Amino acid sequence: MSPAPHSDAPARAPGSARPDLLVIAKAPIAGASKTRLCPPCSPGQAAQLARAALRDTLQAVAATPGAGRRVLVLDGAPGPWLPRGFEVVAQRGDGLAQRLAHAFAACAGSALLVGMDTPQLTPALLGAGVQALRDGAAAVLGLAADGGYWAIGLRRPDADVFDGVPMSTARTGAVQRARLDALGLAPVTLPVLRDVDRIDDAVAVAASAPHTRFARTLARLELAAGEDEPVPAPVDPARQERAA
């Protein structure tokens, strides 16, 4: 893998830096986002859920205290779902590990990065990660229930952090933590969260955060099942027999 460059920026004293907050995401497009929700969702419904999850995430990031820049590291083009106050940079690299490394390399100092799969995020939860970096933590890591991770923070960009870490597997989080430890970057850990990958994840996350756009969107889609693909009305057997 072609690593992103190391940062030669001098280390800052604890509490003096405002870490950047990064969101790495795909543009919510039917057929290209949240495809593991299909079925039971149609591609259009999956894209609606992806857009709701992304909007919830961006809202939490925008409201997080103590952060510096808010940056969306995007695969695709921004849409009307993007709130004000965010810089947008294109994802770079082959594979997620390279894309993560390049995202951190674009920051001058410390940064906390999250994905778009945890719409239950809150400013308080993100603020804990930001504060840990401000207090001098070398790294921050939020593990996911499926074995991955939903957040990673670094005091200084370092492409070696992601070297050799398999992405999107049941052991990604454990390997990433071991890699941080091996580099002397023992992470401050954040609470374990559940990613939205499949429909059972979506139902569980919506139940845990019913105030979110994601939960409201899921409820609406369930009430309007087949919104993209109308479901025929059930046939009355007696009427069918009379018509025969």
Protein backbone atom coordinates (compact mmCIF):
# COMPACT_ATOMS: atom_id res chain seq x y z
CA MET A 1 0.00 0.00 0.00
CA SER A 2 1.23 3.47 -0.83
CA PRO A 3 1.29 5.32 2.49
CA ALA A 4 0.27 8.91 3.01
CA PRO A 5 3.06 11.19 4.17
CA HIS A 6 3.94 11.54 7.83
CA SER A 7 3.32 14.83 9.57
CA ASP A 8 6.36 16.77 10.75
CA ALA A 9 4.25 19.30 12.63
CA PRO A 10 5.52 19.94 16.18
CA ALA A 11 3.52 18.41 19.00
CA ARG A 12 1.22 20.83 20.79
CA ALA A 13 0.78 21.12 24.52
CA PRO A 14 -2.28 19.35 25.94
CA GLY A 15 -5.41 21.51 25.76
CA SER A 16 -3.97 23.94 23.21
CA ALA A 17 -5.25 22.30 20.02
CA ARG A 18 -8.79 22.07 18.70
CA PRO A 19 -8.94 18.72 16.90
CA ASP A 20 -10.58 18.58 13.50
CA LEU A 21 -13.70 16.44 13.20
CA LEU A 22 -13.84 14.32 10.06
CA VAL A 23 -16.74 12.32 8.63
CA ILE A 24 -15.85 9.76 5.96
CA ALA A 25 -18.88 8.85 3.87
CA LYS A 26 -20.37 7.85 0.56
CA ALA A 27 -22.91 10.12 -1.09
CA PRO A 28 -26.33 8.52 -0.44
CA ILE A 29 -27.25 7.30 -3.91
CA ALA A 30 -29.68 4.49 -4.73
CA GLY A 31 -27.83 1.33 -5.68
CA ALA A 32 -24.51 2.56 -4.26
CA SER A 33 -25.17 3.14 -0.56
CA LYS A 34 -26.33 0.82 2.22
CA THR A 35 -26.73 -2.03 -0.26
CA ARG A 36 -26.65 -4.62 2.54
CA LEU A 37 -30.06 -3.35 3.62
CA CYS A 38 -31.42 -4.82 0.37
CA PRO A 39 -33.58 -6.81 0.83
CA PRO A 40 -35.89 -6.03 2.54
CA CYS A 41 -35.27 -2.42 1.44
CA SER A 42 -35.33 -1.39 -2.16
CA PRO A 43 -32.25 0.52 -3.38
CA GLY A 44 -34.21 3.75 -3.11
CA GLN A 45 -35.27 3.05 0.47
CA ALA A 46 -31.71 2.09 1.43
CA ALA A 47 -30.49 5.41 0.02
CA GLN A 48 -33.12 7.27 2.07
CA LEU A 49 -31.85 5.56 5.23
CA ALA A 50 -28.25 6.32 4.27
CA ARG A 51 -29.12 9.98 3.76
CA ALA A 52 -30.90 10.15 7.13
CA ALA A 53 -27.95 8.50 8.90
CA LEU A 54 -25.51 10.90 7.25
CA ARG A 55 -27.61 13.93 8.19
CA ASP A 56 -27.83 12.76 11.82
CA THR A 57 -24.07 12.25 11.90
CA LEU A 58 -23.30 15.65 10.39
CA GLN A 59 -25.69 17.33 12.83
CA ALA A 60 -23.95 15.71 15.81
CA VAL A 61 -20.53 16.68 14.45
CA ALA A 62 -21.65 20.28 13.87
CA ALA A 63 -22.86 20.56 17.48
CA THR A 64 -19.77 19.02 19.12
CA PRO A 65 -17.96 21.44 21.41
CA GLY A 66 -14.21 22.00 21.39
CA ALA A 67 -13.55 20.96 17.81
CA GLY A 68 -11.79 22.82 15.02
CA ARG A 69 -12.65 22.28 11.36
CA ARG A 70 -15.56 20.10 10.34
CA VAL A 71 -14.60 18.13 7.25
CA LEU A 72 -16.64 15.71 5.13
CA VAL A 73 -14.33 13.24 3.38
CA LEU A 74 -16.67 12.25 0.59
CA ASP A 75 -16.91 9.57 -2.07
CA GLY A 76 -19.25 11.24 -4.54
CA ALA A 77 -20.78 14.69 -4.84
CA PRO A 78 -22.33 16.73 -2.01
CA GLY A 79 -26.07 17.32 -2.08
CA PRO A 80 -28.70 19.44 -0.33
CA TRP A 81 -28.27 17.23 2.75
CA LEU A 82 -24.92 18.92 3.53
CA PRO A 83 -25.25 21.58 6.27
CA ARG A 84 -23.29 24.79 6.38
CA GLY A 85 -19.92 24.91 8.10
CA PHE A 86 -18.41 21.79 6.54
CA GLU A 87 -15.44 21.63 4.24
CA VAL A 88 -15.67 18.88 1.63
CA VAL A 89 -12.65 16.93 0.41
CA ALA A 90 -12.66 13.98 -1.95
CA GLN A 91 -11.61 10.56 -0.73
CA ARG A 92 -8.23 9.46 -2.07
CA GLY A 93 -6.53 6.08 -2.23
CA ASP A 94 -7.20 2.46 -3.08
CA GLY A 95 -9.14 0.80 -0.32
CA LEU A 96 -10.39 2.09 3.00
CA ALA A 97 -7.03 1.93 4.79
CA GLN A 98 -5.45 4.31 2.30
CA ARG A 99 -8.48 6.59 2.34
CA LEU A 100 -8.30 6.86 6.12
CA ALA A 101 -4.57 7.60 6.00
CA HIS A 102 -5.04 10.33 3.41
CA ALA A 103 -7.94 11.85 5.37
CA PHE A 104 -5.71 12.29 8.42
CA ALA A 105 -2.80 13.50 6.30
CA ALA A 106 -4.95 16.44 5.18
CA CYS A 107 -5.07 17.68 8.79
CA ALA A 108 -2.35 19.87 10.25
CA GLY A 109 -2.72 18.44 13.73
CA SER A 110 -5.02 16.21 15.74
CA ALA A 111 -8.27 14.86 14.33
CA LEU A 112 -11.15 12.56 15.21
CA LEU A 113 -12.77 10.64 12.34
CA VAL A 114 -16.14 8.87 12.27
CA GLY A 115 -18.19 7.14 9.60
CA MET A 116 -21.84 7.52 8.61
CA ASP A 117 -23.05 4.19 10.04
CA THR A 118 -23.84 5.34 13.59
CA PRO A 119 -26.73 7.83 13.47
CA GLN A 120 -27.15 7.43 17.23
CA LEU A 121 -24.00 9.56 17.75
CA THR A 122 -24.35 12.52 20.10
CA PRO A 123 -22.26 15.67 20.53
CA ALA A 124 -21.44 14.52 24.08
CA LEU A 125 -20.03 11.23 22.81
CA LEU A 126 -17.97 12.93 20.13
CA GLY A 127 -16.94 15.60 22.60
CA ALA A 128 -15.39 12.96 24.84
CA GLY A 129 -13.12 11.90 21.98
CA VAL A 130 -12.26 15.49 21.12
CA GLN A 131 -11.44 16.27 24.74
CA ALA A 132 -9.22 13.20 25.05
CA LEU A 133 -7.12 14.47 22.14
CA ARG A 134 -7.03 17.98 23.61
CA ASP A 135 -5.84 16.48 26.90
CA GLY A 136 -2.89 14.87 25.15
CA ALA A 137 -4.07 11.37 24.21
CA ALA A 138 -2.02 9.90 21.37
CA ALA A 139 -5.06 8.13 19.93
CA VAL A 140 -8.77 7.51 20.45
CA LEU A 141 -10.71 4.43 19.34
CA GLY A 142 -14.42 3.63 19.39
CA LEU A 143 -15.08 -0.04 18.70
CA ALA A 144 -18.21 -1.32 16.96
CA ALA A 145 -20.31 -4.28 18.06
CA ASP A 146 -19.65 -6.12 14.79
CA GLY A 147 -15.89 -6.20 15.37
CA GLY A 148 -15.00 -3.04 13.45
CA TYR A 149 -14.72 0.48 14.78
CA TRP A 150 -16.83 3.60 14.42
CA ALA A 151 -14.31 6.25 15.46
CA ILE A 152 -10.56 6.76 15.42
CA GLY A 153 -8.61 9.79 16.52
CA LEU A 154 -4.93 10.66 16.21
CA ARG A 155 -2.93 13.45 17.80
CA ARG A 156 -0.69 13.48 14.74
CA PRO A 157 -1.26 11.99 11.25
CA ASP A 158 0.58 8.72 10.79
CA ALA A 159 -0.08 6.41 7.82
CA ASP A 160 1.61 3.53 9.68
CA VAL A 161 -1.45 3.38 11.93
CA PHE A 162 -3.45 1.75 9.13
CA ASP A 163 -0.69 -0.35 7.56
CA GLY A 164 -1.68 -4.03 7.54
CA VAL A 165 -5.07 -3.51 9.20
CA PRO A 166 -7.78 -5.51 7.38
CA MET A 167 -10.87 -3.42 6.83
CA SER A 168 -14.52 -4.46 7.06
CA THR A 169 -13.91 -7.73 8.91
CA ALA A 170 -14.95 -9.09 12.30
CA ARG A 171 -11.41 -8.49 13.59
CA THR A 172 -10.76 -5.02 12.21
CA GLY A 173 -11.20 -3.28 15.57
CA ALA A 174 -8.98 -5.71 17.46
CA VAL A 175 -6.22 -5.52 14.84
CA GLN A 176 -6.45 -1.72 14.73
CA ARG A 177 -6.11 -1.48 18.49
CA ALA A 178 -3.15 -3.85 18.46
CA ARG A 179 -1.54 -1.73 15.74
CA LEU A 180 -1.97 1.43 17.79
CA ASP A 181 -0.48 -0.30 20.82
CA ALA A 182 2.47 -1.57 18.76
CA LEU A 183 3.21 1.98 17.64
CA GLY A 184 3.13 3.25 21.22
CA LEU A 185 -0.20 5.03 20.66
CA ALA A 186 -2.28 3.36 23.36
CA PRO A 187 -5.79 4.68 22.62
CA VAL A 188 -8.38 6.19 24.90
CA THR A 189 -11.46 4.07 24.23
CA LEU A 190 -14.97 5.33 23.59
CA PRO A 191 -18.17 3.31 24.18
CA VAL A 192 -18.95 0.43 21.85
CA LEU A 193 -21.67 1.32 19.32
CA ARG A 194 -23.66 -0.71 16.82
CA ASP A 195 -23.10 0.04 13.14
CA VAL A 196 -26.01 0.02 10.73
CA ASP A 197 -25.13 -2.61 8.14
CA ARG A 198 -28.17 -4.86 7.90
CA ILE A 199 -31.85 -4.41 8.62
CA ASP A 200 -31.66 -5.88 12.15
CA ASP A 201 -28.96 -3.30 12.92
CA ALA A 202 -31.20 -0.56 11.57
CA VAL A 203 -34.13 -1.63 13.75
CA ALA A 204 -31.96 -1.87 16.89
CA VAL A 205 -30.25 1.49 16.33
CA ALA A 206 -33.55 3.23 15.59
CA ALA A 207 -35.03 1.81 18.80
CA SER A 208 -32.06 3.09 20.81
CA ALA A 209 -32.29 6.59 19.29
CA PRO A 210 -35.94 7.24 18.40
CA HIS A 211 -35.38 11.01 18.18
CA THR A 212 -33.15 10.73 15.11
CA ARG A 213 -34.00 11.33 11.45
CA PHE A 214 -32.83 7.78 10.88
CA ALA A 215 -35.46 6.34 13.25
CA ARG A 216 -38.22 8.49 11.77
CA THR A 217 -37.21 7.51 8.24
CA LEU A 218 -37.19 3.82 9.10
CA ALA A 219 -40.62 4.10 10.72
CA ARG A 220 -42.01 5.89 7.69
CA LEU A 221 -40.62 3.32 5.30
CA GLU A 222 -42.07 0.50 7.38
CA LEU A 223 -45.48 2.20 7.43
CA ALA A 224 -45.24 2.76 3.70
CA ALA A 225 -43.78 -0.63 2.87
CA GLY A 226 -43.19 -0.97 -0.82
CA GLU A 227 -43.05 2.79 -1.39
CA ASP A 228 -40.73 2.22 -4.34
CA GLU A 229 -42.32 -1.09 -5.34
CA PRO A 230 -46.11 -1.11 -4.65
CA VAL A 231 -47.38 -4.25 -2.97
CA PRO A 232 -50.60 -5.64 -4.53
CA ALA A 233 -53.67 -5.84 -2.31
CA PRO A 234 -54.44 -9.30 -0.94
CA VAL A 235 -56.93 -11.32 -2.98
CA ASP A 236 -60.21 -12.36 -1.39
CA PRO A 237 -60.44 -16.15 -2.02
CA ALA A 238 -64.24 -16.05 -2.20
CA ARG A 239 -64.22 -13.26 -4.76
CA GLN A 240 -61.53 -15.08 -6.76
CA GLU A 241 -63.66 -18.25 -6.72
CA ARG A 242 -66.77 -16.34 -7.97
CA ALA A 243 -64.75 -14.79 -10.77
CA ALA A 244 -63.44 -18.17 -11.94
